[in-house]
PDB file of N, CA and C in Angstrom:
ATOM      1  N   UNK A   1      10.836  26.492 114.984  1.00  0.00           N
ATOM      2  CA  UNK A   1      10.904  25.592 116.095  1.00  0.00           C
ATOM      3  C   UNK A   1      10.257  26.247 117.321  1.00  0.00           C
ATOM      4  N   UNK A   2       9.550  25.471 118.114  1.00  0.00           N
ATOM      5  CA  UNK A   2       8.837  25.964 119.286  1.00  0.00           C
ATOM      6  C   UNK A   2       9.776  25.942 120.483  1.00  0.00           C
ATOM      7  N   UNK A   3       9.770  27.025 121.188  1.00  0.00           N
ATOM      8  CA  UNK A   3      10.632  27.081 122.372  1.00  0.00           C
ATOM      9  C   UNK A   3       9.996  26.262 123.494  1.00  0.00           C
ATOM     10  N   UNK A   4      10.782  25.739 124.405  1.00  0.00           N
ATOM     11  CA  UNK A   4      10.217  24.948 125.488  1.00  0.00           C
ATOM     12  C   UNK A   4       9.269  25.760 126.372  1.00  0.00           C
ATOM     13  N   UNK A   5       9.541  27.058 126.513  1.00  0.00           N
ATOM     14  CA  UNK A   5       8.690  27.877 127.360  1.00  0.00           C
ATOM     15  C   UNK A   5       7.295  28.003 126.749  1.00  0.00           C
ATOM     16  N   UNK A   6       7.240  28.233 125.437  1.00  0.00           N
ATOM     17  CA  UNK A   6       5.946  28.344 124.771  1.00  0.00           C
ATOM     18  C   UNK A   6       5.210  27.017 124.815  1.00  0.00           C
ATOM     19  N   UNK A   7       5.929  25.932 124.609  1.00  0.00           N
ATOM     20  CA  UNK A   7       5.292  24.617 124.672  1.00  0.00           C
ATOM     21  C   UNK A   7       4.761  24.324 126.055  1.00  0.00           C
ATOM     22  N   UNK A   8       5.463  24.727 127.080  1.00  0.00           N
ATOM     23  CA  UNK A   8       5.022  24.489 128.444  1.00  0.00           C
ATOM     24  C   UNK A   8       3.759  25.298 128.745  1.00  0.00           C
ATOM     25  N   UNK A   9       3.726  26.540 128.266  1.00  0.00           N
ATOM     26  CA  UNK A   9       2.542  27.363 128.510  1.00  0.00           C
ATOM     27  C   UNK A   9       1.323  26.787 127.794  1.00  0.00           C
ATOM     28  N   UNK A  10       1.484  26.377 126.555  1.00  0.00           N
ATOM     29  CA  UNK A  10       0.339  25.847 125.835  1.00  0.00           C
ATOM     30  C   UNK A  10      -0.145  24.554 126.486  1.00  0.00           C
ATOM     31  N   UNK A  11       0.774  23.746 126.989  1.00  0.00           N
ATOM     32  CA  UNK A  11       0.365  22.510 127.639  1.00  0.00           C
ATOM     33  C   UNK A  11      -0.374  22.818 128.940  1.00  0.00           C
ATOM     34  N   UNK A  12       0.090  23.833 129.697  1.00  0.00           N
ATOM     35  CA  UNK A  12      -0.579  24.194 130.941  1.00  0.00           C
ATOM     36  C   UNK A  12      -1.966  24.777 130.685  1.00  0.00           C
ATOM     37  N   UNK A  13      -2.090  25.612 129.662  1.00  0.00           N
ATOM     38  CA  UNK A  13      -3.404  26.168 129.344  1.00  0.00           C
ATOM     39  C   UNK A  13      -4.366  25.070 128.945  1.00  0.00           C
ATOM     40  N   UNK A  14      -3.894  24.120 128.147  1.00  0.00           N
ATOM     41  CA  UNK A  14      -4.760  23.024 127.741  1.00  0.00           C
ATOM     42  C   UNK A  14      -5.186  22.183 128.921  1.00  0.00           C
ATOM     43  N   UNK A  15      -4.313  21.956 129.841  1.00  0.00           N
ATOM     44  CA  UNK A  15      -4.633  21.158 131.018  1.00  0.00           C
ATOM     45  C   UNK A  15      -5.641  21.897 131.899  1.00  0.00           C
ATOM     46  N   UNK A  16      -5.433  23.184 132.073  1.00  0.00           N
ATOM     47  CA  UNK A  16      -6.372  23.951 132.892  1.00  0.00           C
ATOM     48  C   UNK A  16      -7.742  23.978 132.243  1.00  0.00           C
ATOM     49  N   UNK A  17      -7.794  24.114 130.942  1.00  0.00           N
ATOM     50  CA  UNK A  17      -9.074  24.146 130.254  1.00  0.00           C
ATOM     51  C   UNK A  17      -9.801  22.826 130.424  1.00  0.00           C
ATOM     52  N   UNK A  18      -9.085  21.726 130.325  1.00  0.00           N
ATOM     53  CA  UNK A  18      -9.717  20.418 130.462  1.00  0.00           C
ATOM     54  C   UNK A  18     -10.200  20.188 131.892  1.00  0.00           C
ATOM     55  N   UNK A  19      -9.477  20.673 132.862  1.00  0.00           N
ATOM     56  CA  UNK A  19      -9.885  20.484 134.239  1.00  0.00           C
ATOM     57  C   UNK A  19     -11.115  21.310 134.589  1.00  0.00           C
ATOM     58  N   UNK A  20     -11.297  22.474 133.961  1.00  0.00           N
ATOM     59  CA  UNK A  20     -12.392  23.376 134.316  1.00  0.00           C
ATOM     60  C   UNK A  20     -13.608  23.241 133.410  1.00  0.00           C
ATOM     61  N   UNK A  21     -13.703  22.202 132.622  1.00  0.00           N
ATOM     62  CA  UNK A  21     -14.872  22.072 131.752  1.00  0.00           C
ATOM     63  C   UNK A  21     -16.120  21.746 132.548  1.00  0.00           C
ATOM     64  N   UNK A  22     -16.012  21.048 133.649  1.00  0.00           N
ATOM     65  CA  UNK A  22     -17.161  20.732 134.488  1.00  0.00           C
ATOM     66  C   UNK A  22     -17.241  21.789 135.593  1.00  0.00           C
ATOM     67  N   UNK A  23     -18.369  22.537 135.668  1.00  0.00           N
ATOM     68  CA  UNK A  23     -18.463  23.561 136.704  1.00  0.00           C
ATOM     69  C   UNK A  23     -18.592  22.928 138.090  1.00  0.00           C
ATOM     70  N   UNK A  24     -18.168  23.677 139.044  1.00  0.00           N
ATOM     71  CA  UNK A  24     -18.242  23.229 140.431  1.00  0.00           C
ATOM     72  C   UNK A  24     -19.710  23.143 140.846  1.00  0.00           C
ATOM     73  N   UNK A  25     -20.174  21.999 141.371  1.00  0.00           N
ATOM     74  CA  UNK A  25     -21.592  21.887 141.735  1.00  0.00           C
ATOM     75  C   UNK A  25     -21.994  22.853 142.846  1.00  0.00           C
ATOM     76  N   UNK A  26     -21.052  23.176 143.737  1.00  0.00           N
ATOM     77  CA  UNK A  26     -21.378  24.138 144.792  1.00  0.00           C
ATOM     78  C   UNK A  26     -21.640  25.516 144.203  1.00  0.00           C
ATOM     79  N   UNK A  27     -20.917  25.862 143.146  1.00  0.00           N
ATOM     80  CA  UNK A  27     -21.116  27.160 142.518  1.00  0.00           C
ATOM     81  C   UNK A  27     -22.495  27.211 141.854  1.00  0.00           C
ATOM     82  N   UNK A  28     -22.896  26.150 141.182  1.00  0.00           N
ATOM     83  CA  UNK A  28     -24.223  26.135 140.560  1.00  0.00           C
ATOM     84  C   UNK A  28     -25.313  26.206 141.621  1.00  0.00           C
ATOM     85  N   UNK A  29     -25.112  25.513 142.745  1.00  0.00           N
ATOM     86  CA  UNK A  29     -26.079  25.552 143.834  1.00  0.00           C
ATOM     87  C   UNK A  29     -26.198  26.966 144.396  1.00  0.00           C
ATOM     88  N   UNK A  30     -25.083  27.641 144.590  1.00  0.00           N
ATOM     89  CA  UNK A  30     -25.107  29.007 145.122  1.00  0.00           C
ATOM     90  C   UNK A  30     -25.797  29.963 144.164  1.00  0.00           C
ATOM     91  N   UNK A  31     -25.563  29.789 142.863  1.00  0.00           N
ATOM     92  CA  UNK A  31     -26.247  30.640 141.885  1.00  0.00           C
ATOM     93  C   UNK A  31     -27.750  30.383 141.904  1.00  0.00           C
ATOM     94  N   UNK A  32     -28.137  29.114 142.024  1.00  0.00           N
ATOM     95  CA  UNK A  32     -29.565  28.795 142.088  1.00  0.00           C
ATOM     96  C   UNK A  32     -30.192  29.386 143.348  1.00  0.00           C
ATOM     97  N   UNK A  33     -29.481  29.314 144.452  1.00  0.00           N
ATOM     98  CA  UNK A  33     -30.010  29.881 145.693  1.00  0.00           C
ATOM     99  C   UNK A  33     -30.140  31.400 145.599  1.00  0.00           C
ATOM    100  N   UNK A  34     -29.207  32.048 144.918  1.00  0.00           N
ATOM    101  CA  UNK A  34     -29.312  33.499 144.717  1.00  0.00           C
ATOM    102  C   UNK A  34     -30.554  33.840 143.907  1.00  0.00           C
ATOM    103  N   UNK A  35     -30.835  33.049 142.891  1.00  0.00           N
ATOM    104  CA  UNK A  35     -32.027  33.282 142.067  1.00  0.00           C
ATOM    105  C   UNK A  35     -33.288  33.081 142.906  1.00  0.00           C
ATOM    106  N   UNK A  36     -33.323  32.022 143.727  1.00  0.00           N
ATOM    107  CA  UNK A  36     -34.486  31.767 144.573  1.00  0.00           C
ATOM    108  C   UNK A  36     -34.670  32.881 145.595  1.00  0.00           C
ATOM    109  N   UNK A  37     -33.584  33.359 146.175  1.00  0.00           N
ATOM    110  CA  UNK A  37     -33.696  34.445 147.148  1.00  0.00           C
ATOM    111  C   UNK A  37     -34.201  35.729 146.494  1.00  0.00           C
ATOM    112  N   UNK A  38     -33.713  36.017 145.300  1.00  0.00           N
ATOM    113  CA  UNK A  38     -34.170  37.218 144.587  1.00  0.00           C
ATOM    114  C   UNK A  38     -35.650  37.100 144.250  1.00  0.00           C
ATOM    115  N   UNK A  39     -36.088  35.909 143.839  1.00  0.00           N
ATOM    116  CA  UNK A  39     -37.496  35.707 143.508  1.00  0.00           C
ATOM    117  C   UNK A  39     -38.361  35.847 144.756  1.00  0.00           C
ATOM    118  N   UNK A  40     -37.924  35.268 145.864  1.00  0.00           N
ATOM    119  CA  UNK A  40     -38.678  35.375 147.102  1.00  0.00           C
ATOM    120  C   UNK A  40     -38.739  36.820 147.592  1.00  0.00           C
ATOM    121  N   UNK A  41     -37.649  37.548 147.458  1.00  0.00           N
ATOM    122  CA  UNK A  41     -37.644  38.957 147.864  1.00  0.00           C
ATOM    123  C   UNK A  41     -38.606  39.768 147.003  1.00  0.00           C
ATOM    124  N   UNK A  42     -38.654  39.484 145.699  1.00  0.00           N
ATOM    125  CA  UNK A  42     -39.571  40.191 144.807  1.00  0.00           C
ATOM    126  C   UNK A  42     -41.017  39.895 145.188  1.00  0.00           C
ATOM    127  N   UNK A  43     -41.326  38.612 145.446  1.00  0.00           N
ATOM    128  CA  UNK A  43     -42.694  38.249 145.819  1.00  0.00           C
ATOM    129  C   UNK A  43     -43.087  38.863 147.156  1.00  0.00           C
ATOM    130  N   UNK A  44     -42.173  38.904 148.095  1.00  0.00           N
ATOM    131  CA  UNK A  44     -42.464  39.522 149.390  1.00  0.00           C
ATOM    132  C   UNK A  44     -42.715  41.016 149.232  1.00  0.00           C
ATOM    133  N   UNK A  45     -41.918  41.658 148.404  1.00  0.00           N
ATOM    134  CA  UNK A  45     -42.107  43.091 148.178  1.00  0.00           C
ATOM    135  C   UNK A  45     -43.446  43.352 147.491  1.00  0.00           C
ATOM    136  N   UNK A  46     -43.795  42.515 146.535  1.00  0.00           N
ATOM    137  CA  UNK A  46     -45.074  42.672 145.839  1.00  0.00           C
ATOM    138  C   UNK A  46     -46.235  42.469 146.811  1.00  0.00           C
ATOM    139  N   UNK A  47     -46.128  41.480 147.685  1.00  0.00           N
ATOM    140  CA  UNK A  47     -47.163  41.233 148.676  1.00  0.00           C
ATOM    141  C   UNK A  47     -47.296  42.410 149.632  1.00  0.00           C
ATOM    142  N   UNK A  48     -46.185  42.987 150.041  1.00  0.00           N
ATOM    143  CA  UNK A  48     -46.250  44.136 150.936  1.00  0.00           C
ATOM    144  C   UNK A  48     -46.936  45.326 150.279  1.00  0.00           C
ATOM    145  N   UNK A  49     -46.684  45.560 149.001  1.00  0.00           N
ATOM    146  CA  UNK A  49     -47.350  46.666 148.297  1.00  0.00           C
ATOM    147  C   UNK A  49     -48.853  46.422 148.212  1.00  0.00           C
ATOM    148  N   UNK A  50     -49.262  45.186 147.935  1.00  0.00           N
ATOM    149  CA  UNK A  50     -50.693  44.880 147.838  1.00  0.00           C
ATOM    150  C   UNK A  50     -51.359  45.050 149.204  1.00  0.00           C
ATOM    151  N   UNK A  51     -50.718  44.551 150.253  1.00  0.00           N
ATOM    152  CA  UNK A  51     -51.278  44.709 151.587  1.00  0.00           C
ATOM    153  C   UNK A  51     -51.354  46.178 151.998  1.00  0.00           C
ATOM    154  N   UNK A  52     -50.347  46.947 151.650  1.00  0.00           N
ATOM    155  CA  UNK A  52     -50.359  48.377 151.967  1.00  0.00           C
ATOM    156  C   UNK A  52     -51.498  49.078 151.231  1.00  0.00           C
ATOM    157  N   UNK A  53     -51.738  48.692 149.986  1.00  0.00           N
ATOM    158  CA  UNK A  53     -52.835  49.290 149.221  1.00  0.00           C
ATOM    159  C   UNK A  53     -54.177  48.990 149.881  1.00  0.00           C
ATOM    160  N   UNK A  54     -54.416  47.726 150.251  1.00  0.00           N
ATOM    161  CA  UNK A  54     -55.689  47.370 150.869  1.00  0.00           C
ATOM    162  C   UNK A  54     -55.848  48.008 152.250  1.00  0.00           C
ATOM    163  N   UNK A  55     -54.769  48.104 152.991  1.00  0.00           N
ATOM    164  CA  UNK A  55     -54.831  48.764 154.289  1.00  0.00           C
ATOM    165  C   UNK A  55     -55.159  50.245 154.124  1.00  0.00           C
ATOM    166  N   UNK A  56     -54.544  50.887 153.164  1.00  0.00           N
ATOM    167  CA  UNK A  56     -54.834  52.295 152.903  1.00  0.00           C
ATOM    168  C   UNK A  56     -56.276  52.488 152.447  1.00  0.00           C
ATOM    169  N   UNK A  57     -56.749  51.592 151.586  1.00  0.00           N
ATOM    170  CA  UNK A  57     -58.136  51.668 151.103  1.00  0.00           C
ATOM    171  C   UNK A  57     -59.122  51.492 152.258  1.00  0.00           C
ATOM    172  N   UNK A  58     -58.878  50.496 153.124  1.00  0.00           N
ATOM    173  CA  UNK A  58     -59.762  50.270 154.271  1.00  0.00           C
ATOM    174  C   UNK A  58     -59.715  51.454 155.230  1.00  0.00           C
ATOM    175  N   UNK A  59     -58.548  52.024 155.427  1.00  0.00           N
ATOM    176  CA  UNK A  59     -58.416  53.180 156.304  1.00  0.00           C
ATOM    177  C   UNK A  59     -59.165  54.387 155.740  1.00  0.00           C
ATOM    178  N   UNK A  60     -59.091  54.586 154.435  1.00  0.00           N
ATOM    179  CA  UNK A  60     -59.816  55.694 153.815  1.00  0.00           C
ATOM    180  C   UNK A  60     -61.324  55.511 153.969  1.00  0.00           C
ATOM    181  N   UNK A  61     -61.814  54.280 153.764  1.00  0.00           N
ATOM    182  CA  UNK A  61     -63.245  54.046 153.930  1.00  0.00           C
ATOM    183  C   UNK A  61     -63.670  54.242 155.381  1.00  0.00           C
ATOM    184  N   UNK A  62     -62.856  53.789 156.307  1.00  0.00           N
ATOM    185  CA  UNK A  62     -63.204  53.892 157.717  1.00  0.00           C
ATOM    186  C   UNK A  62     -63.223  55.348 158.173  1.00  0.00           C
ATOM    187  N   UNK A  63     -62.276  56.136 157.698  1.00  0.00           N
ATOM    188  CA  UNK A  63     -62.211  57.530 158.129  1.00  0.00           C
ATOM    189  C   UNK A  63     -63.194  58.433 157.394  1.00  0.00           C
ATOM    190  N   UNK A  64     -63.589  58.071 156.189  1.00  0.00           N
ATOM    191  CA  UNK A  64     -64.474  58.954 155.424  1.00  0.00           C
ATOM    192  C   UNK A  64     -65.937  58.774 155.810  1.00  0.00           C
ATOM    193  N   UNK A  65     -66.328  57.634 156.286  1.00  0.00           N
ATOM    194  CA  UNK A  65     -67.726  57.399 156.633  1.00  0.00           C
ATOM    195  C   UNK A  65     -68.500  56.902 155.430  1.00  0.00           C
ATOM    196  N   UNK A  66     -69.582  56.227 155.701  1.00  0.00           N
ATOM    197  CA  UNK A  66     -70.352  55.605 154.623  1.00  0.00           C
ATOM    198  C   UNK A  66     -71.186  56.612 153.848  1.00  0.00           C
ATOM    199  N   UNK A  67     -71.701  57.642 154.513  1.00  0.00           N
ATOM    200  CA  UNK A  67     -72.579  58.586 153.828  1.00  0.00           C
ATOM    201  C   UNK A  67     -71.866  59.276 152.677  1.00  0.00           C
ATOM    202  N   UNK A  68     -70.637  59.692 152.891  1.00  0.00           N
ATOM    203  CA  UNK A  68     -69.906  60.378 151.823  1.00  0.00           C
ATOM    204  C   UNK A  68     -69.683  59.451 150.629  1.00  0.00           C
ATOM    205  N   UNK A  69     -69.357  58.204 150.906  1.00  0.00           N
ATOM    206  CA  UNK A  69     -69.113  57.248 149.827  1.00  0.00           C
ATOM    207  C   UNK A  69     -70.399  56.968 149.063  1.00  0.00           C
ATOM    208  N   UNK A  70     -71.502  56.783 149.783  1.00  0.00           N
ATOM    209  CA  UNK A  70     -72.782  56.493 149.124  1.00  0.00           C
ATOM    210  C   UNK A  70     -73.218  57.680 148.278  1.00  0.00           C
ATOM    211  N   UNK A  71     -73.048  58.875 148.794  1.00  0.00           N
ATOM    212  CA  UNK A  71     -73.432  60.062 148.015  1.00  0.00           C
ATOM    213  C   UNK A  71     -72.561  60.212 146.761  1.00  0.00           C
ATOM    214  N   UNK A  72     -71.263  59.942 146.890  1.00  0.00           N
ATOM    215  CA  UNK A  72     -70.377  60.048 145.730  1.00  0.00           C
ATOM    216  C   UNK A  72     -70.730  59.007 144.673  1.00  0.00           C
ATOM    217  N   UNK A  73     -71.007  57.789 145.095  1.00  0.00           N
ATOM    218  CA  UNK A  73     -71.366  56.738 144.135  1.00  0.00           C
ATOM    219  C   UNK A  73     -72.707  57.055 143.486  1.00  0.00           C
ATOM    220  N   UNK A  74     -73.652  57.601 144.258  1.00  0.00           N
ATOM    221  CA  UNK A  74     -74.961  57.942 143.693  1.00  0.00           C
ATOM    222  C   UNK A  74     -74.838  59.028 142.635  1.00  0.00           C
ATOM    223  N   UNK A  75     -74.002  60.034 142.874  1.00  0.00           N
ATOM    224  CA  UNK A  75     -73.847  61.084 141.866  1.00  0.00           C
ATOM    225  C   UNK A  75     -73.112  60.562 140.636  1.00  0.00           C
ATOM    226  N   UNK A  76     -72.204  59.621 140.833  1.00  0.00           N
ATOM    227  CA  UNK A  76     -71.525  59.027 139.671  1.00  0.00           C
ATOM    228  C   UNK A  76     -72.526  58.289 138.791  1.00  0.00           C
ATOM    229  N   UNK A  77     -73.490  57.620 139.424  1.00  0.00           N
ATOM    230  CA  UNK A  77     -74.484  56.851 138.663  1.00  0.00           C
ATOM    231  C   UNK A  77     -75.660  57.707 138.205  1.00  0.00           C
ATOM    232  N   UNK A  78     -75.614  59.013 138.436  1.00  0.00           N
ATOM    233  CA  UNK A  78     -76.605  59.922 137.869  1.00  0.00           C
ATOM    234  C   UNK A  78     -77.805  60.191 138.755  1.00  0.00           C
ATOM    235  N   UNK A  79     -77.763  59.851 140.025  1.00  0.00           N
ATOM    236  CA  UNK A  79     -78.892  60.121 140.917  1.00  0.00           C
ATOM    237  C   UNK A  79     -78.914  61.605 141.253  1.00  0.00           C
ATOM    238  N   UNK A  80     -80.062  62.213 141.130  1.00  0.00           N
ATOM    239  CA  UNK A  80     -80.218  63.637 141.454  1.00  0.00           C
ATOM    240  C   UNK A  80     -80.896  63.766 142.812  1.00  0.00           C
ATOM    241  N   UNK A  81     -80.390  64.645 143.633  1.00  0.00           N
ATOM    242  CA  UNK A  81     -80.993  64.862 144.942  1.00  0.00           C
ATOM    243  C   UNK A  81     -80.151  64.240 146.042  1.00  0.00           C
ATOM    244  N   UNK A  82     -80.709  64.277 147.249  1.00  0.00           N
ATOM    245  CA  UNK A  82     -80.000  63.759 148.413  1.00  0.00           C
ATOM    246  C   UNK A  82     -80.493  62.347 148.710  1.00  0.00           C
ATOM    247  N   UNK A  83     -79.578  61.441 148.886  1.00  0.00           N
ATOM    248  CA  UNK A  83     -79.917  60.052 149.171  1.00  0.00           C
ATOM    249  C   UNK A  83     -80.615  59.943 150.526  1.00  0.00           C
ATOM    250  N   UNK A  84     -80.136  60.693 151.485  1.00  0.00           N
ATOM    251  CA  UNK A  84     -80.640  60.591 152.848  1.00  0.00           C
ATOM    252  C   UNK A  84     -81.652  61.679 153.181  1.00  0.00           C
ATOM    253  N   UNK A  85     -82.396  62.141 152.202  1.00  0.00           N
ATOM    254  CA  UNK A  85     -83.394  63.184 152.449  1.00  0.00           C
ATOM    255  C   UNK A  85     -84.529  62.605 153.302  1.00  0.00           C
ATOM    256  N   UNK A  86     -84.908  63.361 154.294  1.00  0.00           N
ATOM    257  CA  UNK A  86     -86.030  62.941 155.141  1.00  0.00           C
ATOM    258  C   UNK A  86     -86.857  64.181 155.468  1.00  0.00           C
ATOM    259  N   UNK A  87     -88.105  63.986 155.877  1.00  0.00           N
ATOM    260  CA  UNK A  87     -88.934  65.149 156.220  1.00  0.00           C
ATOM    261  C   UNK A  87     -88.554  65.770 157.557  1.00  0.00           C
ATOM    262  N   UNK A  88     -87.659  65.133 158.295  1.00  0.00           N
ATOM    263  CA  UNK A  88     -87.292  65.636 159.621  1.00  0.00           C
ATOM    264  C   UNK A  88     -86.156  66.657 159.522  1.00  0.00           C
ATOM    265  N   UNK A  89     -86.186  67.646 160.377  1.00  0.00           N
ATOM    266  CA  UNK A  89     -85.149  68.678 160.442  1.00  0.00           C
ATOM    267  C   UNK A  89     -83.982  68.157 161.278  1.00  0.00           C
ATOM    268  N   UNK A  90     -82.797  68.768 161.139  1.00  0.00           N
ATOM    269  CA  UNK A  90     -81.650  68.344 161.949  1.00  0.00           C
ATOM    270  C   UNK A  90     -81.874  68.509 163.456  1.00  0.00           C
ATOM    271  N   UNK A  91     -82.809  69.376 163.857  1.00  0.00           N
ATOM    272  CA  UNK A  91     -83.083  69.560 165.280  1.00  0.00           C
ATOM    273  C   UNK A  91     -83.773  68.353 165.896  1.00  0.00           C
ATOM    274  N   UNK A  92     -84.185  67.397 165.072  1.00  0.00           N
ATOM    275  CA  UNK A  92     -84.889  66.211 165.564  1.00  0.00           C
ATOM    276  C   UNK A  92     -84.013  65.392 166.501  1.00  0.00           C
ATOM    277  N   UNK A  93     -82.729  65.419 166.283  1.00  0.00           N
ATOM    278  CA  UNK A  93     -81.828  64.647 167.143  1.00  0.00           C
ATOM    279  C   UNK A  93     -81.868  65.162 168.575  1.00  0.00           C
ATOM    280  N   UNK A  94     -81.885  66.479 168.738  1.00  0.00           N
ATOM    281  CA  UNK A  94     -81.918  67.045 170.087  1.00  0.00           C
ATOM    282  C   UNK A  94     -83.302  66.892 170.717  1.00  0.00           C
ATOM    283  N   UNK A  95     -84.352  67.004 169.898  1.00  0.00           N
ATOM    284  CA  UNK A  95     -85.716  66.925 170.431  1.00  0.00           C
ATOM    285  C   UNK A  95     -86.095  65.487 170.776  1.00  0.00           C
ATOM    286  N   UNK A  96     -85.533  64.511 170.101  1.00  0.00           N
ATOM    287  CA  UNK A  96     -85.866  63.114 170.378  1.00  0.00           C
ATOM    288  C   UNK A  96     -87.021  62.600 169.551  1.00  0.00           C
ATOM    289  N   UNK A  97     -87.627  63.419 168.757  1.00  0.00           N
ATOM    290  CA  UNK A  97     -88.691  62.990 167.847  1.00  0.00           C
ATOM    291  C   UNK A  97     -88.580  63.812 166.569  1.00  0.00           C
ATOM    292  N   UNK A  98     -89.326  63.433 165.540  1.00  0.00           N
ATOM    293  CA  UNK A  98     -89.211  64.075 164.231  1.00  0.00           C
ATOM    294  C   UNK A  98     -89.845  65.462 164.260  1.00  0.00           C
ATOM    295  N   UNK A  99     -89.023  66.464 164.007  1.00  0.00           N
ATOM    296  CA  UNK A  99     -89.509  67.829 163.830  1.00  0.00           C
ATOM    297  C   UNK A  99     -89.542  68.065 162.339  1.00  0.00           C
ATOM    298  N   UNK A 100     -90.740  68.334 161.807  1.00  0.00           N
ATOM    299  CA  UNK A 100     -90.913  68.452 160.366  1.00  0.00           C
ATOM    300  C   UNK A 100     -90.285  69.752 159.873  1.00  0.00           C
ATOM    301  N   UNK A 101     -89.585  69.619 158.718  1.00  0.00           N
ATOM    302  CA  UNK A 101     -88.963  70.791 158.099  1.00  0.00           C
ATOM    303  C   UNK A 101     -90.047  71.706 157.572  1.00  0.00           C
ATOM    304  N   UNK A 102     -89.765  72.969 157.646  1.00  0.00           N
ATOM    305  CA  UNK A 102     -90.703  73.948 157.082  1.00  0.00           C
ATOM    306  C   UNK A 102     -90.239  74.321 155.697  1.00  0.00           C
ATOM    307  N   UNK A 103     -91.158  74.574 154.824  1.00  0.00           N
ATOM    308  CA  UNK A 103     -90.819  74.953 153.470  1.00  0.00           C
ATOM    309  C   UNK A 103     -91.206  73.863 152.480  1.00  0.00           C
ATOM    310  N   UNK A 104     -90.896  74.104 151.194  1.00  0.00           N
ATOM    311  CA  UNK A 104     -91.309  73.129 150.172  1.00  0.00           C
ATOM    312  C   UNK A 104     -90.518  71.819 150.312  1.00  0.00           C
ATOM    313  N   UNK A 105     -91.208  70.721 150.124  1.00  0.00           N
ATOM    314  CA  UNK A 105     -90.576  69.397 150.158  1.00  0.00           C
ATOM    315  C   UNK A 105     -90.106  69.020 148.758  1.00  0.00           C
ATOM    316  N   UNK A 106     -88.963  68.459 148.634  1.00  0.00           N
ATOM    317  CA  UNK A 106     -88.463  68.105 147.276  1.00  0.00           C
ATOM    318  C   UNK A 106     -89.153  66.892 146.733  1.00  0.00           C
TER     319      UNK A 106
END
């Protein structure tokens, strides 16, 4: 024979189970909003990393100068010699006109 206490508990559990079969719509909305916020935070973080990479790349190019980059790319592609070779000596800048280098020309 079932005791009244056990019968009361089983009836209460059954009632609670039936009442909670439909989830609270506010709870589903909050879970969806948490997912959207996490996705937006991930996309924002990814965008910040990409922007930081491009900013660093632009800063490196700006600080290194074009001649170094051109010379490095030329040697990678197998060019032998100096890209910016000219018959003028470095003293040409101070003289204001081309001072020809002495010695053998490459």
